[in-house]
């Protein structure tokens, strides 16, 4: 009889414990997110756009050589790419 009562109590208590744990973790995550939002970034995005610090393939093409020229034995291993 006691076993049946404890089993009937364990399921709702397990559910409530799960809900409590998830809500508590969500509050911790929200607090961390808000503290990160208060930090000022080191790079100002508008200024970076004005200074053209972002990669622009039309102005600055980039050549990627073969990463492993000696040891690669796979087909097409002597390929380099050009991003433009």
C-alpha atoms as a PDB file:
ATOM      1  CA  UNK A   1       0.000   0.000   0.000  1.00  0.00           C
ATOM      2  CA  UNK A   2       2.809   2.425   0.866  1.00  0.00           C
ATOM      3  CA  UNK A   3       4.653   1.432  -2.303  1.00  0.00           C
ATOM      4  CA  UNK A   4       1.630   2.252  -4.445  1.00  0.00           C
ATOM      5  CA  UNK A   5       1.195   5.623  -2.742  1.00  0.00           C
ATOM      6  CA  UNK A   6       4.858   6.517  -3.202  1.00  0.00           C
ATOM      7  CA  UNK A   7       4.717   5.468  -6.850  1.00  0.00           C
ATOM      8  CA  UNK A   8       1.624   7.626  -7.442  1.00  0.00           C
ATOM      9  CA  UNK A   9       3.399  10.593  -5.828  1.00  0.00           C
ATOM     10  CA  UNK A  10       6.671  10.066  -7.666  1.00  0.00           C
ATOM     11  CA  UNK A  11       5.324  10.777 -11.174  1.00  0.00           C
ATOM     12  CA  UNK A  12       3.857  14.247 -10.471  1.00  0.00           C
ATOM     13  CA  UNK A  13       6.816  15.162  -8.267  1.00  0.00           C
ATOM     14  CA  UNK A  14       9.196  14.069 -11.021  1.00  0.00           C
ATOM     15  CA  UNK A  15       7.314  16.291 -13.490  1.00  0.00           C
ATOM     16  CA  UNK A  16       7.376  19.270 -11.115  1.00  0.00           C
ATOM     17  CA  UNK A  17      11.086  18.758 -10.520  1.00  0.00           C
ATOM     18  CA  UNK A  18      11.744  18.738 -14.257  1.00  0.00           C
ATOM     19  CA  UNK A  19       9.729  21.930 -14.761  1.00  0.00           C
ATOM     20  CA  UNK A  20      11.531  23.621 -11.866  1.00  0.00           C
ATOM     21  CA  UNK A  21      14.950  22.640 -13.233  1.00  0.00           C
ATOM     22  CA  UNK A  22      14.141  23.896 -16.747  1.00  0.00           C
ATOM     23  CA  UNK A  23      12.716  27.218 -15.513  1.00  0.00           C
ATOM     24  CA  UNK A  24      15.704  27.756 -13.250  1.00  0.00           C
ATOM     25  CA  UNK A  25      18.174  27.046 -16.087  1.00  0.00           C
ATOM     26  CA  UNK A  26      16.229  29.371 -18.383  1.00  0.00           C
ATOM     27  CA  UNK A  27      16.498  32.193 -15.846  1.00  0.00           C
ATOM     28  CA  UNK A  28      20.242  31.603 -15.505  1.00  0.00           C
ATOM     29  CA  UNK A  29      20.639  31.677 -19.299  1.00  0.00           C
ATOM     30  CA  UNK A  30      18.586  34.879 -19.583  1.00  0.00           C
ATOM     31  CA  UNK A  31      20.712  36.537 -16.907  1.00  0.00           C
ATOM     32  CA  UNK A  32      23.876  35.574 -18.802  1.00  0.00           C
ATOM     33  CA  UNK A  33      22.408  36.878 -22.059  1.00  0.00           C
ATOM     34  CA  UNK A  34      21.471  40.231 -20.540  1.00  0.00           C
ATOM     35  CA  UNK A  35      24.910  40.598 -18.982  1.00  0.00           C
ATOM     36  CA  UNK A  36      26.475  39.936 -22.417  1.00  0.00           C
ATOM     37  CA  UNK A  37      24.219  42.562 -23.992  1.00  0.00           C
ATOM     38  CA  UNK A  38      25.567  45.179 -21.578  1.00  0.00           C
ATOM     39  CA  UNK A  39      29.142  44.662 -22.815  1.00  0.00           C
ATOM     40  CA  UNK A  40      30.232  47.192 -25.443  1.00  0.00           C
ATOM     41  CA  UNK A  41      31.812  45.551 -28.536  1.00  0.00           C
ATOM     42  CA  UNK A  42      35.435  46.378 -29.331  1.00  0.00           C
ATOM     43  CA  UNK A  43      34.669  46.953 -33.027  1.00  0.00           C
ATOM     44  CA  UNK A  44      32.031  49.410 -34.108  1.00  0.00           C
ATOM     45  CA  UNK A  45      30.181  47.801 -37.037  1.00  0.00           C
ATOM     46  CA  UNK A  46      29.366  51.070 -38.784  1.00  0.00           C
ATOM     47  CA  UNK A  47      32.970  52.211 -38.599  1.00  0.00           C
ATOM     48  CA  UNK A  48      34.197  48.829 -39.870  1.00  0.00           C
ATOM     49  CA  UNK A  49      31.899  49.125 -42.870  1.00  0.00           C
ATOM     50  CA  UNK A  50      33.185  52.621 -43.575  1.00  0.00           C
ATOM     51  CA  UNK A  51      36.789  51.439 -43.323  1.00  0.00           C
ATOM     52  CA  UNK A  52      36.001  48.426 -45.548  1.00  0.00           C
ATOM     53  CA  UNK A  53      37.386  45.877 -43.064  1.00  0.00           C
ATOM     54  CA  UNK A  54      34.979  43.186 -44.194  1.00  0.00           C
ATOM     55  CA  UNK A  55      35.922  40.787 -46.962  1.00  0.00           C
ATOM     56  CA  UNK A  56      34.780  42.101 -50.330  1.00  0.00           C
ATOM     57  CA  UNK A  57      35.582  39.581 -53.097  1.00  0.00           C
ATOM     58  CA  UNK A  58      35.163  42.139 -55.887  1.00  0.00           C
ATOM     59  CA  UNK A  59      37.899  44.356 -54.449  1.00  0.00           C
ATOM     60  CA  UNK A  60      40.146  41.741 -52.852  1.00  0.00           C
ATOM     61  CA  UNK A  61      40.198  38.319 -54.551  1.00  0.00           C
ATOM     62  CA  UNK A  62      41.528  35.504 -52.379  1.00  0.00           C
ATOM     63  CA  UNK A  63      43.507  32.501 -53.650  1.00  0.00           C
ATOM     64  CA  UNK A  64      43.391  29.334 -51.559  1.00  0.00           C
ATOM     65  CA  UNK A  65      46.268  26.993 -52.408  1.00  0.00           C
ATOM     66  CA  UNK A  66      46.139  23.241 -52.043  1.00  0.00           C
ATOM     67  CA  UNK A  67      46.301  22.594 -48.287  1.00  0.00           C
ATOM     68  CA  UNK A  68      48.363  19.409 -48.563  1.00  0.00           C
ATOM     69  CA  UNK A  69      50.424  19.442 -51.791  1.00  0.00           C
ATOM     70  CA  UNK A  70      52.965  16.678 -50.972  1.00  0.00           C
ATOM     71  CA  UNK A  71      51.030  14.148 -48.955  1.00  0.00           C
ATOM     72  CA  UNK A  72      47.647  14.196 -50.660  1.00  0.00           C
ATOM     73  CA  UNK A  73      47.019  11.146 -52.803  1.00  0.00           C
ATOM     74  CA  UNK A  74      43.324  11.720 -53.456  1.00  0.00           C
ATOM     75  CA  UNK A  75      41.997  12.497 -56.900  1.00  0.00           C
ATOM     76  CA  UNK A  76      42.088  16.210 -57.646  1.00  0.00           C
ATOM     77  CA  UNK A  77      44.514  16.937 -54.831  1.00  0.00           C
ATOM     78  CA  UNK A  78      46.459  19.508 -56.885  1.00  0.00           C
ATOM     79  CA  UNK A  79      43.564  21.945 -57.030  1.00  0.00           C
ATOM     80  CA  UNK A  80      43.727  25.519 -55.762  1.00  0.00           C
ATOM     81  CA  UNK A  81      40.727  27.823 -55.618  1.00  0.00           C
ATOM     82  CA  UNK A  82      40.159  31.457 -56.376  1.00  0.00           C
ATOM     83  CA  UNK A  83      37.378  33.314 -54.604  1.00  0.00           C
ATOM     84  CA  UNK A  84      36.449  36.349 -56.656  1.00  0.00           C
END
